[in-house]
Protein backbone atom coordinates (compact mmCIF):
# COMPACT_ATOMS: atom_id res chain seq x y z
CA UNK A 1 0.08 -0.11 -0.02
CA UNK A 2 2.81 2.35 0.86
CA UNK A 3 4.59 1.64 -2.46
CA UNK A 4 1.61 2.37 -4.31
CA UNK A 5 0.98 5.74 -2.57
CA UNK A 6 4.67 6.71 -3.55
CA UNK A 7 3.85 5.54 -6.98
CA UNK A 8 0.94 7.91 -7.37
CA UNK A 9 2.84 10.66 -5.71
CA UNK A 10 5.70 10.08 -8.05
CA UNK A 11 3.44 9.91 -11.27
CA UNK A 12 1.10 12.79 -10.59
CA UNK A 13 2.40 15.28 -7.91
CA UNK A 14 6.12 15.32 -9.10
CA UNK A 15 4.74 15.69 -12.86
CA UNK A 16 3.42 19.19 -13.01
CA UNK A 17 2.46 18.76 -16.76
CA UNK A 18 0.34 15.79 -16.01
CA UNK A 19 -1.17 17.47 -12.95
CA UNK A 20 -2.29 20.60 -14.93
CA UNK A 21 -3.81 18.33 -17.68
CA UNK A 22 -5.91 16.46 -15.12
CA UNK A 23 -7.08 19.94 -13.64
CA UNK A 24 -7.81 21.10 -16.99
CA UNK A 25 -9.75 18.01 -17.70
CA UNK A 26 -11.83 18.17 -14.50
CA UNK A 27 -12.76 21.99 -15.25
CA UNK A 28 -14.03 21.17 -18.73
CA UNK A 29 -16.30 18.18 -17.27
CA UNK A 30 -17.58 20.64 -14.51
CA UNK A 31 -18.04 23.24 -17.13
CA UNK A 32 -19.95 20.70 -19.71
CA UNK A 33 -22.14 19.56 -16.79
CA UNK A 34 -23.23 23.06 -16.00
CA UNK A 35 -23.74 23.84 -19.82
CA UNK A 36 -25.69 20.60 -19.95
CA UNK A 37 -28.05 21.60 -17.05
CA UNK A 38 -28.44 25.27 -18.54
CA UNK A 39 -29.43 23.88 -21.89
CA UNK A 40 -31.95 21.35 -20.34
CA UNK A 41 -33.70 24.11 -18.57
CA UNK A 42 -33.84 26.46 -21.57
CA UNK A 43 -35.01 23.45 -23.69
CA UNK A 44 -37.68 22.66 -20.99
CA UNK A 45 -38.86 26.33 -21.20
CA UNK A 46 -39.17 26.15 -25.01
CA UNK A 47 -40.89 22.86 -24.96
CA UNK A 48 -43.55 24.35 -22.63
CA UNK A 49 -43.98 27.52 -24.52
CA UNK A 50 -44.44 25.28 -27.60
CA UNK A 51 -47.09 23.15 -26.32
CA UNK A 52 -48.98 25.94 -24.70
CA UNK A 53 -49.28 27.81 -27.85
CA UNK A 54 -51.29 24.89 -29.12
CA UNK A 55 -54.20 25.91 -26.64
CA UNK A 56 -53.39 29.30 -25.45
CA UNK A 57 -53.53 32.18 -28.32
CA UNK A 58 -52.15 35.28 -27.07
CA UNK A 59 -49.58 37.77 -28.33
CA UNK A 60 -46.50 36.47 -26.39
CA UNK A 61 -45.72 33.63 -23.74
CA UNK A 62 -42.79 33.66 -21.69
CA UNK A 63 -41.76 30.60 -19.29
CA UNK A 64 -39.12 30.43 -16.74
CA UNK A 65 -38.39 27.21 -14.75
CA UNK A 66 -36.13 27.16 -11.79
CA UNK A 67 -34.35 23.90 -10.08
CA UNK A 68 -32.84 26.01 -7.41
CA UNK A 69 -30.08 24.06 -5.38
CA UNK A 70 -31.93 20.86 -6.13
CA UNK A 71 -29.40 18.46 -7.28
CA UNK A 72 -32.12 16.02 -8.52
CA UNK A 73 -33.16 18.34 -11.11
CA UNK A 74 -36.69 18.51 -9.88
CA UNK A 75 -38.27 22.16 -10.43
CA UNK A 76 -38.43 24.44 -7.77
CA UNK A 77 -40.61 26.72 -9.48
CA UNK A 78 -42.45 27.25 -12.65
CA UNK A 79 -43.60 31.05 -14.01
CA UNK A 80 -45.60 31.37 -17.01
CA UNK A 81 -46.59 34.98 -18.47
CA UNK A 82 -49.15 35.54 -21.35
CA UNK A 83 -49.42 38.81 -22.94
CA UNK A 84 -52.54 40.19 -24.70
CA UNK A 85 -54.40 37.07 -23.99
CA UNK A 86 -58.21 37.28 -25.14
CA UNK A 87 -60.63 35.92 -22.27
CA UNK A 88 -64.24 36.05 -23.55
CA UNK A 89 -63.18 38.35 -26.20
CA UNK A 90 -61.49 40.84 -23.92
CA UNK A 91 -57.72 41.23 -24.66
CA UNK A 92 -56.57 40.91 -21.09
CA UNK A 93 -53.15 42.80 -20.91
CA UNK A 94 -51.20 40.24 -18.60
CA UNK A 95 -51.69 36.64 -17.15
CA UNK A 96 -49.19 35.23 -15.07
CA UNK A 97 -49.32 31.69 -13.45
CA UNK A 98 -46.81 30.59 -10.65
CA UNK A 99 -46.17 27.20 -9.45
CA UNK A 100 -44.20 26.24 -6.49
CA UNK A 101 -42.67 22.51 -6.54
CA UNK A 102 -44.39 21.55 -9.83
CA UNK A 103 -44.38 17.98 -11.14
CA UNK A 104 -44.83 17.95 -14.95
CA UNK A 105 -45.98 15.02 -16.92
CA UNK A 106 -43.17 14.95 -19.38
CA UNK A 107 -44.49 11.82 -21.24
CA UNK A 108 -47.58 13.92 -22.18
CA UNK A 109 -45.11 16.91 -22.81
CA UNK A 110 -42.86 15.00 -25.11
CA UNK A 111 -45.41 12.48 -26.89
CA UNK A 112 -48.52 14.64 -27.10
CA UNK A 113 -47.10 18.33 -26.78
CA UNK A 114 -49.38 19.00 -24.06
CA UNK A 115 -48.86 20.56 -20.58
CA UNK A 116 -50.06 18.63 -17.61
CA UNK A 117 -48.89 19.86 -14.01
CA UNK A 118 -49.69 16.60 -12.09
CA UNK A 119 -49.12 18.23 -8.59
CA UNK A 120 -47.67 21.18 -7.01
CA UNK A 121 -47.42 22.78 -3.40
CA UNK A 122 -48.59 26.19 -4.26
CA UNK A 123 -50.42 27.88 -7.35
CA UNK A 124 -50.83 31.51 -7.91
CA UNK A 125 -52.77 33.24 -10.51
CA UNK A 126 -52.71 37.06 -11.41
CA UNK A 127 -54.53 38.99 -13.97
CA UNK A 128 -54.10 42.58 -14.99
CA UNK A 129 -56.58 44.53 -17.06
CA UNK A 130 -55.42 47.92 -18.16
CA UNK A 131 -57.66 51.07 -17.86
CA UNK A 132 -57.15 51.83 -21.75
CA UNK A 133 -58.25 48.24 -22.60
CA UNK A 134 -61.66 48.69 -20.61
CA UNK A 135 -62.01 51.85 -22.60
CA UNK A 136 -61.25 50.13 -26.00
CA UNK A 137 -63.67 47.51 -24.88
CA UNK A 138 -66.48 49.66 -24.39
CA UNK A 139 -66.23 51.28 -27.48
CA UNK A 140 -66.05 48.06 -29.33
CA UNK A 141 -68.99 46.74 -27.38
CA UNK A 142 -71.17 50.09 -27.95
CA UNK A 143 -70.77 49.84 -31.66
CA UNK A 144 -71.48 46.14 -31.75
CA UNK A 145 -74.83 46.79 -29.83
CA UNK A 146 -75.51 49.99 -31.48
CA UNK A 147 -75.37 51.88 -28.08
CA UNK A 148 -75.65 55.45 -28.78
CA UNK A 149 -74.02 58.14 -26.39
CA UNK A 150 -73.05 61.62 -26.65
CA UNK A 151 -70.27 61.32 -23.92
CA UNK A 152 -69.03 58.36 -21.83
CA UNK A 153 -65.90 58.87 -19.83
CA UNK A 154 -63.90 56.20 -17.76
CA UNK A 155 -61.55 56.92 -15.09
CA UNK A 156 -59.91 54.79 -12.76
CA UNK A 157 -59.85 56.49 -9.36
CA UNK A 158 -59.01 53.75 -6.59
CA UNK A 159 -61.10 52.25 -4.98
CA UNK A 160 -63.54 53.61 -7.69
CA UNK A 161 -64.29 53.51 -11.22
CA UNK A 162 -65.77 56.73 -12.13
CA UNK A 163 -68.02 57.26 -15.21
CA UNK A 164 -69.21 60.55 -16.55
CA UNK A 165 -72.00 60.04 -19.27
CA UNK A 166 -74.72 61.76 -21.39
CA UNK A 167 -77.06 59.52 -23.29
CA UNK A 168 -80.27 59.74 -24.87
CA UNK A 169 -83.28 57.98 -22.86
CA UNK A 170 -84.12 55.73 -25.99
CA UNK A 171 -80.50 54.31 -25.53
CA UNK A 172 -81.76 52.51 -22.33
CA UNK A 173 -83.89 49.45 -22.59
CA UNK A 174 -87.57 50.29 -21.64
CA UNK A 175 -87.66 47.86 -18.73
CA UNK A 176 -84.62 49.49 -16.90
CA UNK A 177 -85.80 52.96 -18.22
CA UNK A 178 -89.02 52.76 -16.18
CA UNK A 179 -87.00 52.31 -13.22
CA UNK A 180 -85.31 55.68 -13.27
CA UNK A 181 -87.67 57.62 -15.62
CA UNK A 182 -88.70 60.02 -12.93
CA UNK A 183 -85.11 61.24 -13.03
CA UNK A 184 -85.15 61.95 -16.84
CA UNK A 185 -84.87 65.49 -18.19
CA UNK A 186 -85.44 66.30 -21.66
CA UNK A 187 -85.34 62.56 -22.85
CA UNK A 188 -81.70 62.41 -21.60
CA UNK A 189 -79.84 60.89 -18.80
CA UNK A 190 -76.76 62.89 -17.80
CA UNK A 191 -74.70 62.01 -14.91
CA UNK A 192 -71.90 60.56 -12.69
CA UNK A 193 -71.37 57.20 -11.27
CA UNK A 194 -68.91 55.84 -8.65
CA UNK A 195 -68.32 52.09 -9.00
CA UNK A 196 -66.68 49.27 -6.97
CA UNK A 197 -65.90 45.92 -8.49
CA UNK A 198 -66.22 42.58 -6.59
CA UNK A 199 -65.25 39.04 -7.72
CA UNK A 200 -66.83 35.58 -6.76
CA UNK A 201 -66.20 32.36 -8.28
CA UNK A 202 -64.49 34.03 -11.36
CA UNK A 203 -67.55 36.39 -11.95
CA UNK A 204 -67.04 40.03 -11.72
CA UNK A 205 -69.90 42.07 -9.92
CA UNK A 206 -70.18 45.84 -9.91
CA UNK A 207 -71.46 47.69 -6.72
CA UNK A 208 -72.60 51.20 -7.37
CA UNK A 209 -71.48 53.42 -4.46
CA UNK A 210 -73.12 56.71 -5.95
CA UNK A 211 -75.05 57.35 -8.86
CA UNK A 212 -76.44 60.85 -10.01
CA UNK A 213 -78.90 61.30 -12.99
CA UNK A 214 -79.59 64.80 -13.93
CA UNK A 215 -78.44 66.24 -10.80
CA UNK A 216 -80.79 63.71 -8.66
CA UNK A 217 -78.96 61.24 -6.41
CA UNK A 218 -80.47 57.96 -6.88
CA UNK A 219 -81.75 56.47 -3.79
CA UNK A 220 -80.34 53.13 -2.44
CA UNK A 221 -83.37 51.12 -3.27
CA UNK A 222 -82.98 51.96 -6.88
CA UNK A 223 -79.24 51.41 -6.81
CA UNK A 224 -80.01 47.88 -5.17
CA UNK A 225 -82.37 47.17 -8.05
CA UNK A 226 -79.94 48.26 -10.80
CA UNK A 227 -77.30 46.15 -9.17
CA UNK A 228 -79.37 42.92 -9.30
CA UNK A 229 -80.31 43.67 -12.77
CA UNK A 230 -76.83 44.17 -14.28
CA UNK A 231 -74.73 41.64 -12.24
CA UNK A 232 -72.63 39.70 -13.01
CA UNK A 233 -70.97 42.14 -15.51
CA UNK A 234 -68.47 39.78 -16.57
CA UNK A 235 -67.49 35.94 -16.23
CA UNK A 236 -63.68 35.07 -16.59
CA UNK A 237 -63.53 31.39 -17.86
CA UNK A 238 -60.57 29.17 -16.79
CA UNK A 239 -57.87 29.26 -19.12
CA UNK A 240 -56.54 25.66 -20.11
CA UNK A 241 -54.55 24.03 -18.94
CA UNK A 242 -55.10 25.96 -15.58
CA UNK A 243 -57.72 25.39 -13.09
CA UNK A 244 -58.24 28.38 -10.93
CA UNK A 245 -60.85 30.48 -9.25
CA UNK A 246 -60.49 33.98 -8.67
CA UNK A 247 -61.36 35.38 -5.28
CA UNK A 248 -59.57 38.89 -5.19
CA UNK A 249 -60.02 41.98 -6.91
CA UNK A 250 -58.13 45.43 -6.68
CA UNK A 251 -58.43 48.54 -8.39
CA UNK A 252 -55.10 50.07 -9.15
CA UNK A 253 -54.28 53.49 -10.87
CA UNK A 254 -54.16 52.20 -14.29
CA UNK A 255 -55.07 48.44 -13.80
CA UNK A 256 -57.68 46.02 -12.50
CA UNK A 257 -55.86 43.42 -10.61
CA UNK A 258 -57.19 39.93 -10.02
CA UNK A 259 -55.93 36.91 -8.30
CA UNK A 260 -56.80 33.31 -6.64
C-alpha cells in the first residue's frame, strides 16, 4: 500500500504537466455539466412554451423554470406569463401563473405536446386589465350593440371606477328606463357614477357607491335594484390547462388586478 502511494505521488504530484492536464480536464467536465443543465432548463422552457401555444392564443408567452439548489433536477418553481390574452373576447393585458414545486407530466409533454401539471405545493394566478383596455372594450361593445351616447368617460380612481355620461333616454332598454324615468330630463340621462368591483367564483360584479342622474342622487333602493339587474357584468373562464378560482380584485391606478 505504501509503495502504491509513493507510485501515485511520483507519477502525478512530481509531474506538473500531467497535473495541469488533469486539472484542466476536470474543469472542462464541470463546465460541460453546467452547460448541459442550462441547456436542459432552456430546452424545457421552450418545450412548455411550444405546447402552450397549441391551446393558449395570445401575443406572447414567456416561461421560466427554476431548479434552485436541487441536485435531483426537480423543479422548484415554474413561472408563465401571457401577454394580450383574449378572455371572453377581452384582450387581457397580462396573465401570470406561478407554480411552486410543480411536477410535470413529461410523457404528455414529449409525446402529445401537452402541458399537464400533476401536482404542486402552491399555485398563484394574477390577471391585469388596463384602464385603456376597458375603454377600448366599451367602444367596441357599444358599436356592436348600437349603443348611442354623446359622452361616456371612464376613469380609474381607486377604489372606484368613475363614469361621466350623457346618453339619450331611448338608448336605455324600456324595462330599465322605467326604473329611473322620474329622473329623466329632456329625454336624456346625464350624470356621474362611482362603482366598486367585486369578484366571486370567477364572476365580476359591480357595486354602485353613488349614481347621480340629472342632478338627482339615486336612492339606495333604486341602486340595489339596478345592481341586481346588471350583475354579474363579466365571467372569466378558466384558461386551459390551468384550474383556478379568482377570489380577489383590486383597482389600481391604471389596472384592474385579479388573483386567486
